[in-house]
Amino acid sequence: MALTRQQALEECKKLSKQAVNLRKQIQAVNTWIEFLSKGGKFTPENQRKAKLQLEDYNNRLKETVNKIKTLINQFNLKSAEL
């Protein structure tokens, strides 16, 4: 089923919120890394977990941004509409 222009706008809004949440999660992981680093408790296991989490969030953010760009280009959406 093809999206209508209105559905594309709604999808962009939803994806934008998702991108903001992913950025917040990335910042939270970075804060966690900073906290552990200062306390000297940044173990190899913590480093591995943090790296995997950051990779996952960054990949999901890239995918989300690419979806938004595709919808904007496909439907010629304007930033004021979003």
PDB file of N, CA and C in Angstrom:
ATOM      1  N   MET A   1       0.836  -1.182   0.000  1.00  0.00           N
ATOM      2  CA  MET A   1       0.000   0.000   0.000  1.00  0.00           C
ATOM      3  C   MET A   1       0.885   1.251   0.000  1.00  0.00           C
ATOM      4  N   ALA A   2       0.638   2.132  -0.922  1.00  0.00           N
ATOM      5  CA  ALA A   2       1.403   3.363  -1.027  1.00  0.00           C
ATOM      6  C   ALA A   2       0.911   4.380   0.008  1.00  0.00           C
ATOM      7  N   LEU A   3       1.851   5.137   0.520  1.00  0.00           N
ATOM      8  CA  LEU A   3       1.506   6.170   1.491  1.00  0.00           C
ATOM      9  C   LEU A   3       0.935   7.394   0.785  1.00  0.00           C
ATOM     10  N   THR A   4       0.025   8.052   1.469  1.00  0.00           N
ATOM     11  CA  THR A   4      -0.435   9.353   0.994  1.00  0.00           C
ATOM     12  C   THR A   4       0.526  10.394   1.542  1.00  0.00           C
ATOM     13  N   ARG A   5       0.405  11.590   1.058  1.00  0.00           N
ATOM     14  CA  ARG A   5       1.268  12.675   1.543  1.00  0.00           C
ATOM     15  C   ARG A   5       1.044  12.894   3.038  1.00  0.00           C
ATOM     16  N   GLN A   6      -0.212  12.870   3.472  1.00  0.00           N
ATOM     17  CA  GLN A   6      -0.530  13.068   4.886  1.00  0.00           C
ATOM     18  C   GLN A   6       0.066  11.949   5.748  1.00  0.00           C
ATOM     19  N   GLN A   7      -0.012  10.723   5.255  1.00  0.00           N
ATOM     20  CA  GLN A   7       0.564   9.602   5.991  1.00  0.00           C
ATOM     21  C   GLN A   7       2.089   9.736   6.072  1.00  0.00           C
ATOM     22  N   ALA A   8       2.688  10.234   5.008  1.00  0.00           N
ATOM     23  CA  ALA A   8       4.139  10.457   5.012  1.00  0.00           C
ATOM     24  C   ALA A   8       4.521  11.512   6.049  1.00  0.00           C
ATOM     25  N   LEU A   9       3.700  12.572   6.136  1.00  0.00           N
ATOM     26  CA  LEU A   9       3.944  13.599   7.151  1.00  0.00           C
ATOM     27  C   LEU A   9       3.860  13.011   8.557  1.00  0.00           C
ATOM     28  N   GLU A  10       2.843  12.219   8.804  1.00  0.00           N
ATOM     29  CA  GLU A  10       2.672  11.595  10.123  1.00  0.00           C
ATOM     30  C   GLU A  10       3.828  10.642  10.429  1.00  0.00           C
ATOM     31  N   GLU A  11       4.258   9.904   9.427  1.00  0.00           N
ATOM     32  CA  GLU A  11       5.380   8.975   9.603  1.00  0.00           C
ATOM     33  C   GLU A  11       6.660   9.746   9.914  1.00  0.00           C
ATOM     34  N   CYS A  12       6.878  10.861   9.240  1.00  0.00           N
ATOM     35  CA  CYS A  12       8.051  11.695   9.509  1.00  0.00           C
ATOM     36  C   CYS A  12       8.033  12.227  10.932  1.00  0.00           C
ATOM     37  N   LYS A  13       6.872  12.655  11.391  1.00  0.00           N
ATOM     38  CA  LYS A  13       6.754  13.155  12.765  1.00  0.00           C
ATOM     39  C   LYS A  13       7.078  12.052  13.764  1.00  0.00           C
ATOM     40  N   LYS A  14       6.558  10.856  13.505  1.00  0.00           N
ATOM     41  CA  LYS A  14       6.814   9.716  14.388  1.00  0.00           C
ATOM     42  C   LYS A  14       8.305   9.368  14.377  1.00  0.00           C
ATOM     43  N   LEU A  15       8.893   9.335  13.200  1.00  0.00           N
ATOM     44  CA  LEU A  15      10.314   9.015  13.081  1.00  0.00           C
ATOM     45  C   LEU A  15      11.192  10.090  13.727  1.00  0.00           C
ATOM     46  N   SER A  16      10.773  11.340  13.636  1.00  0.00           N
ATOM     47  CA  SER A  16      11.526  12.428  14.271  1.00  0.00           C
ATOM     48  C   SER A  16      11.554  12.258  15.785  1.00  0.00           C
ATOM     49  N   LYS A  17      10.424  11.891  16.361  1.00  0.00           N
ATOM     50  CA  LYS A  17      10.377  11.632  17.803  1.00  0.00           C
ATOM     51  C   LYS A  17      11.283  10.459  18.162  1.00  0.00           C
ATOM     52  N   GLN A  18      11.259   9.443  17.312  1.00  0.00           N
ATOM     53  CA  GLN A  18      12.108   8.269  17.530  1.00  0.00           C
ATOM     54  C   GLN A  18      13.587   8.669  17.489  1.00  0.00           C
ATOM     55  N   ALA A  19      13.955   9.538  16.555  1.00  0.00           N
ATOM     56  CA  ALA A  19      15.338  10.000  16.439  1.00  0.00           C
ATOM     57  C   ALA A  19      15.759  10.781  17.677  1.00  0.00           C
ATOM     58  N   VAL A  20      14.870  11.622  18.187  1.00  0.00           N
ATOM     59  CA  VAL A  20      15.172  12.387  19.401  1.00  0.00           C
ATOM     60  C   VAL A  20      15.400  11.433  20.574  1.00  0.00           C
ATOM     61  N   ASN A  21      14.558  10.425  20.686  1.00  0.00           N
ATOM     62  CA  ASN A  21      14.718   9.456  21.767  1.00  0.00           C
ATOM     63  C   ASN A  21      16.024   8.677  21.640  1.00  0.00           C
ATOM     64  N   LEU A  22      16.398   8.323  20.428  1.00  0.00           N
ATOM     65  CA  LEU A  22      17.667   7.624  20.227  1.00  0.00           C
ATOM     66  C   LEU A  22      18.846   8.515  20.599  1.00  0.00           C
ATOM     67  N   ARG A  23      18.767   9.778  20.265  1.00  0.00           N
ATOM     68  CA  ARG A  23      19.839  10.717  20.652  1.00  0.00           C
ATOM     69  C   ARG A  23      19.947  10.810  22.171  1.00  0.00           C
ATOM     70  N   LYS A  24      18.817  10.812  22.850  1.00  0.00           N
ATOM     71  CA  LYS A  24      18.821  10.843  24.318  1.00  0.00           C
ATOM     72  C   LYS A  24      19.459   9.568  24.882  1.00  0.00           C
ATOM     73  N   GLN A  25      19.166   8.435  24.262  1.00  0.00           N
ATOM     74  CA  GLN A  25      19.743   7.171  24.721  1.00  0.00           C
ATOM     75  C   GLN A  25      21.250   7.152  24.486  1.00  0.00           C
ATOM     76  N   ILE A  26      21.690   7.687  23.367  1.00  0.00           N
ATOM     77  CA  ILE A  26      23.127   7.773  23.084  1.00  0.00           C
ATOM     78  C   ILE A  26      23.794   8.656  24.132  1.00  0.00           C
ATOM     79  N   GLN A  27      23.178   9.788  24.447  1.00  0.00           N
ATOM     80  CA  GLN A  27      23.733  10.685  25.460  1.00  0.00           C
ATOM     81  C   GLN A  27      23.784  10.006  26.821  1.00  0.00           C
ATOM     82  N   ALA A  28      22.766   9.221  27.144  1.00  0.00           N
ATOM     83  CA  ALA A  28      22.746   8.509  28.427  1.00  0.00           C
ATOM     84  C   ALA A  28      23.889   7.504  28.507  1.00  0.00           C
ATOM     85  N   VAL A  29      24.144   6.793  27.425  1.00  0.00           N
ATOM     86  CA  VAL A  29      25.255   5.829  27.413  1.00  0.00           C
ATOM     87  C   VAL A  29      26.581   6.573  27.552  1.00  0.00           C
ATOM     88  N   ASN A  30      26.726   7.685  26.857  1.00  0.00           N
ATOM     89  CA  ASN A  30      27.958   8.471  26.970  1.00  0.00           C
ATOM     90  C   ASN A  30      28.160   8.987  28.387  1.00  0.00           C
ATOM     91  N   THR A  31      27.078   9.403  29.037  1.00  0.00           N
ATOM     92  CA  THR A  31      27.160   9.855  30.428  1.00  0.00           C
ATOM     93  C   THR A  31      27.561   8.702  31.332  1.00  0.00           C
ATOM     94  N   TRP A  32      26.994   7.528  31.087  1.00  0.00           N
ATOM     95  CA  TRP A  32      27.322   6.332  31.862  1.00  0.00           C
ATOM     96  C   TRP A  32      28.810   5.989  31.705  1.00  0.00           C
ATOM     97  N   ILE A  33      29.313   6.068  30.473  1.00  0.00           N
ATOM     98  CA  ILE A  33      30.728   5.802  30.212  1.00  0.00           C
ATOM     99  C   ILE A  33      31.600   6.792  30.973  1.00  0.00           C
ATOM    100  N   GLU A  34      31.235   8.057  30.918  1.00  0.00           N
ATOM    101  CA  GLU A  34      31.989   9.096  31.613  1.00  0.00           C
ATOM    102  C   GLU A  34      31.995   8.849  33.122  1.00  0.00           C
ATOM    103  N   PHE A  35      30.849   8.498  33.670  1.00  0.00           N
ATOM    104  CA  PHE A  35      30.723   8.218  35.106  1.00  0.00           C
ATOM    105  C   PHE A  35      31.620   7.042  35.505  1.00  0.00           C
ATOM    106  N   LEU A  36      31.546   5.955  34.735  1.00  0.00           N
ATOM    107  CA  LEU A  36      32.359   4.775  35.057  1.00  0.00           C
ATOM    108  C   LEU A  36      33.846   5.060  34.893  1.00  0.00           C
ATOM    109  N   SER A  37      34.182   5.850  33.896  1.00  0.00           N
ATOM    110  CA  SER A  37      35.590   6.172  33.654  1.00  0.00           C
ATOM    111  C   SER A  37      36.177   6.980  34.805  1.00  0.00           C
ATOM    112  N   LYS A  38      35.427   7.921  35.314  1.00  0.00           N
ATOM    113  CA  LYS A  38      35.912   8.757  36.410  1.00  0.00           C
ATOM    114  C   LYS A  38      36.061   7.958  37.704  1.00  0.00           C
ATOM    115  N   GLY A  39      35.193   6.973  37.887  1.00  0.00           N
ATOM    116  CA  GLY A  39      35.243   6.176  39.103  1.00  0.00           C
ATOM    117  C   GLY A  39      36.206   5.006  39.024  1.00  0.00           C
ATOM    118  N   GLY A  40      36.845   4.829  37.877  1.00  0.00           N
ATOM    119  CA  GLY A  40      37.791   3.740  37.716  1.00  0.00           C
ATOM    120  C   GLY A  40      37.133   2.375  37.629  1.00  0.00           C
ATOM    121  N   LYS A  41      35.837   2.342  37.349  1.00  0.00           N
ATOM    122  CA  LYS A  41      35.103   1.077  37.313  1.00  0.00           C
ATOM    123  C   LYS A  41      34.710   0.681  35.889  1.00  0.00           C
ATOM    124  N   PHE A  42      35.447   1.189  34.946  1.00  0.00           N
ATOM    125  CA  PHE A  42      35.136   0.900  33.553  1.00  0.00           C
ATOM    126  C   PHE A  42      35.856  -0.374  33.155  1.00  0.00           C
ATOM    127  N   THR A  43      35.254  -1.501  33.429  1.00  0.00           N
ATOM    128  CA  THR A  43      35.839  -2.814  33.170  1.00  0.00           C
ATOM    129  C   THR A  43      35.759  -3.151  31.677  1.00  0.00           C
ATOM    130  N   PRO A  44      36.544  -4.122  31.249  1.00  0.00           N
ATOM    131  CA  PRO A  44      36.438  -4.542  29.842  1.00  0.00           C
ATOM    132  C   PRO A  44      35.017  -4.976  29.472  1.00  0.00           C
ATOM    133  N   GLU A  45      34.319  -5.608  30.394  1.00  0.00           N
ATOM    134  CA  GLU A  45      32.931  -6.019  30.117  1.00  0.00           C
ATOM    135  C   GLU A  45      32.023  -4.799  29.938  1.00  0.00           C
ATOM    136  N   ASN A  46      32.194  -3.794  30.801  1.00  0.00           N
ATOM    137  CA  ASN A  46      31.414  -2.557  30.661  1.00  0.00           C
ATOM    138  C   ASN A  46      31.735  -1.856  29.344  1.00  0.00           C
ATOM    139  N   GLN A  47      33.017  -1.860  28.977  1.00  0.00           N
ATOM    140  CA  GLN A  47      33.424  -1.240  27.719  1.00  0.00           C
ATOM    141  C   GLN A  47      32.762  -1.937  26.537  1.00  0.00           C
ATOM    142  N   ARG A  48      32.749  -3.271  26.573  1.00  0.00           N
ATOM    143  CA  ARG A  48      32.152  -4.041  25.494  1.00  0.00           C
ATOM    144  C   ARG A  48      30.657  -3.749  25.387  1.00  0.00           C
ATOM    145  N   LYS A  49      29.972  -3.749  26.536  1.00  0.00           N
ATOM    146  CA  LYS A  49      28.529  -3.472  26.547  1.00  0.00           C
ATOM    147  C   LYS A  49      28.236  -2.071  26.022  1.00  0.00           C
ATOM    148  N   ALA A  50      29.009  -1.111  26.485  1.00  0.00           N
ATOM    149  CA  ALA A  50      28.798   0.278  26.065  1.00  0.00           C
ATOM    150  C   ALA A  50      29.036   0.424  24.563  1.00  0.00           C
ATOM    151  N   LYS A  51      30.092  -0.206  24.067  1.00  0.00           N
ATOM    152  CA  LYS A  51      30.394  -0.120  22.638  1.00  0.00           C
ATOM    153  C   LYS A  51      29.268  -0.725  21.804  1.00  0.00           C
ATOM    154  N   LEU A  52      28.788  -1.894  22.217  1.00  0.00           N
ATOM    155  CA  LEU A  52      27.690  -2.539  21.487  1.00  0.00           C
ATOM    156  C   LEU A  52      26.423  -1.699  21.527  1.00  0.00           C
ATOM    157  N   GLN A  53      26.138  -1.129  22.692  1.00  0.00           N
ATOM    158  CA  GLN A  53      24.940  -0.303  22.836  1.00  0.00           C
ATOM    159  C   GLN A  53      25.033   0.947  21.966  1.00  0.00           C
ATOM    160  N   LEU A  54      26.191   1.596  21.985  1.00  0.00           N
ATOM    161  CA  LEU A  54      26.369   2.791  21.163  1.00  0.00           C
ATOM    162  C   LEU A  54      26.267   2.459  19.676  1.00  0.00           C
ATOM    163  N   GLU A  55      26.864   1.354  19.259  1.00  0.00           N
ATOM    164  CA  GLU A  55      26.770   0.943  17.857  1.00  0.00           C
ATOM    165  C   GLU A  55      25.313   0.717  17.463  1.00  0.00           C
ATOM    166  N   ASP A  56      24.570   0.016  18.329  1.00  0.00           N
ATOM    167  CA  ASP A  56      23.161  -0.257  18.044  1.00  0.00           C
ATOM    168  C   ASP A  56      22.368   1.038  17.925  1.00  0.00           C
ATOM    169  N   TYR A  57      22.506   1.926  18.900  1.00  0.00           N
ATOM    170  CA  TYR A  57      21.762   3.190  18.878  1.00  0.00           C
ATOM    171  C   TYR A  57      22.152   4.037  17.672  1.00  0.00           C
ATOM    172  N   ASN A  58      23.447   4.105  17.370  1.00  0.00           N
ATOM    173  CA  ASN A  58      23.893   4.896  16.225  1.00  0.00           C
ATOM    174  C   ASN A  58      23.368   4.328  14.906  1.00  0.00           C
ATOM    175  N   ASN A  59      23.381   3.007  14.770  1.00  0.00           N
ATOM    176  CA  ASN A  59      22.837   2.386  13.552  1.00  0.00           C
ATOM    177  C   ASN A  59      21.341   2.645  13.421  1.00  0.00           C
ATOM    178  N   ARG A  60      20.629   2.521  14.523  1.00  0.00           N
ATOM    179  CA  ARG A  60      19.185   2.774  14.492  1.00  0.00           C
ATOM    180  C   ARG A  60      18.902   4.231  14.165  1.00  0.00           C
ATOM    181  N   LEU A  61      19.727   5.138  14.693  1.00  0.00           N
ATOM    182  CA  LEU A  61      19.550   6.565  14.404  1.00  0.00           C
ATOM    183  C   LEU A  61      19.798   6.842  12.922  1.00  0.00           C
ATOM    184  N   LYS A  62      20.846   6.255  12.361  1.00  0.00           N
ATOM    185  CA  LYS A  62      21.137   6.441  10.930  1.00  0.00           C
ATOM    186  C   LYS A  62      19.981   5.929  10.071  1.00  0.00           C
ATOM    187  N   GLU A  63      19.453   4.751  10.415  1.00  0.00           N
ATOM    188  CA  GLU A  63      18.327   4.187   9.670  1.00  0.00           C
ATOM    189  C   GLU A  63      17.112   5.104   9.741  1.00  0.00           C
ATOM    190  N   THR A  64      16.846   5.628  10.932  1.00  0.00           N
ATOM    191  CA  THR A  64      15.692   6.508  11.129  1.00  0.00           C
ATOM    192  C   THR A  64      15.847   7.786  10.312  1.00  0.00           C
ATOM    193  N   VAL A  65      17.024   8.384  10.363  1.00  0.00           N
ATOM    194  CA  VAL A  65      17.280   9.621   9.608  1.00  0.00           C
ATOM    195  C   VAL A  65      17.166   9.352   8.107  1.00  0.00           C
ATOM    196  N   ASN A  66      17.670   8.219   7.657  1.00  0.00           N
ATOM    197  CA  ASN A  66      17.557   7.880   6.229  1.00  0.00           C
ATOM    198  C   ASN A  66      16.103   7.699   5.814  1.00  0.00           C
ATOM    199  N   LYS A  67      15.283   7.102   6.669  1.00  0.00           N
ATOM    200  CA  LYS A  67      13.861   6.948   6.365  1.00  0.00           C
ATOM    201  C   LYS A  67      13.192   8.310   6.249  1.00  0.00           C
ATOM    202  N   ILE A  68      13.527   9.206   7.172  1.00  0.00           N
ATOM    203  CA  ILE A  68      12.972  10.564   7.135  1.00  0.00           C
ATOM    204  C   ILE A  68      13.369  11.258   5.834  1.00  0.00           C
ATOM    205  N   LYS A  69      14.650  11.185   5.486  1.00  0.00           N
ATOM    206  CA  LYS A  69      15.135  11.825   4.255  1.00  0.00           C
ATOM    207  C   LYS A  69      14.417  11.266   3.026  1.00  0.00           C
ATOM    208  N   THR A  70      14.236   9.957   3.013  1.00  0.00           N
ATOM    209  CA  THR A  70      13.558   9.323   1.877  1.00  0.00           C
ATOM    210  C   THR A  70      12.129   9.834   1.743  1.00  0.00           C
ATOM    211  N   LEU A  71      11.415   9.898   2.870  1.00  0.00           N
ATOM    212  CA  LEU A  71      10.031  10.390   2.838  1.00  0.00           C
ATOM    213  C   LEU A  71       9.979  11.855   2.409  1.00  0.00           C
ATOM    214  N   ILE A  72      10.891  12.667   2.918  1.00  0.00           N
ATOM    215  CA  ILE A  72      10.928  14.093   2.568  1.00  0.00           C
ATOM    216  C   ILE A  72      11.141  14.248   1.068  1.00  0.00           C
ATOM    217  N   ASN A  73      12.104  13.501   0.534  1.00  0.00           N
ATOM    218  CA  ASN A  73      12.392  13.594  -0.908  1.00  0.00           C
ATOM    219  C   ASN A  73      11.265  13.016  -1.753  1.00  0.00           C
ATOM    220  N   GLN A  74      10.728  11.884  -1.328  1.00  0.00           N
ATOM    221  CA  GLN A  74       9.689  11.204  -2.110  1.00  0.00           C
ATOM    222  C   GLN A  74       8.413  12.036  -2.204  1.00  0.00           C
ATOM    223  N   PHE A  75       8.076  12.717  -1.115  1.00  0.00           N
ATOM    224  CA  PHE A  75       6.824  13.474  -1.072  1.00  0.00           C
ATOM    225  C   PHE A  75       7.043  14.983  -1.142  1.00  0.00           C
ATOM    226  N   ASN A  76       8.303  15.404  -1.354  1.00  0.00           N
ATOM    227  CA  ASN A  76       8.624  16.824  -1.451  1.00  0.00           C
ATOM    228  C   ASN A  76       8.088  17.597  -0.245  1.00  0.00           C
ATOM    229  N   LEU A  77       8.357  17.058   0.933  1.00  0.00           N
ATOM    230  CA  LEU A  77       7.872  17.678   2.167  1.00  0.00           C
ATOM    231  C   LEU A  77       8.748  18.868   2.539  1.00  0.00           C
ATOM    232  N   LYS A  78       8.156  19.834   3.181  1.00  0.00           N
ATOM    233  CA  LYS A  78       8.869  21.026   3.644  1.00  0.00           C
ATOM    234  C   LYS A  78       9.048  20.950   5.157  1.00  0.00           C
ATOM    235  N   SER A  79      10.150  21.491   5.651  1.00  0.00           N
ATOM    236  CA  SER A  79      10.425  21.421   7.084  1.00  0.00           C
ATOM    237  C   SER A  79       9.327  22.098   7.904  1.00  0.00           C
ATOM    238  N   ALA A  80       8.703  23.119   7.366  1.00  0.00           N
ATOM    239  CA  ALA A  80       7.625  23.811   8.086  1.00  0.00           C
ATOM    240  C   ALA A  80       6.421  22.891   8.309  1.00  0.00           C
ATOM    241  N   GLU A  81       6.258  21.909   7.444  1.00  0.00           N
ATOM    242  CA  GLU A  81       5.136  20.977   7.574  1.00  0.00           C
ATOM    243  C   GLU A  81       5.384  19.962   8.698  1.00  0.00           C
ATOM    244  N   LEU A  82       6.643  19.716   8.973  1.00  0.00           N
ATOM    245  CA  LEU A  82       6.988  18.724   9.979  1.00  0.00           C
ATOM    246  C   LEU A  82       6.924  19.369  11.331  1.00  0.00           C
TER     247      LEU A  82
END
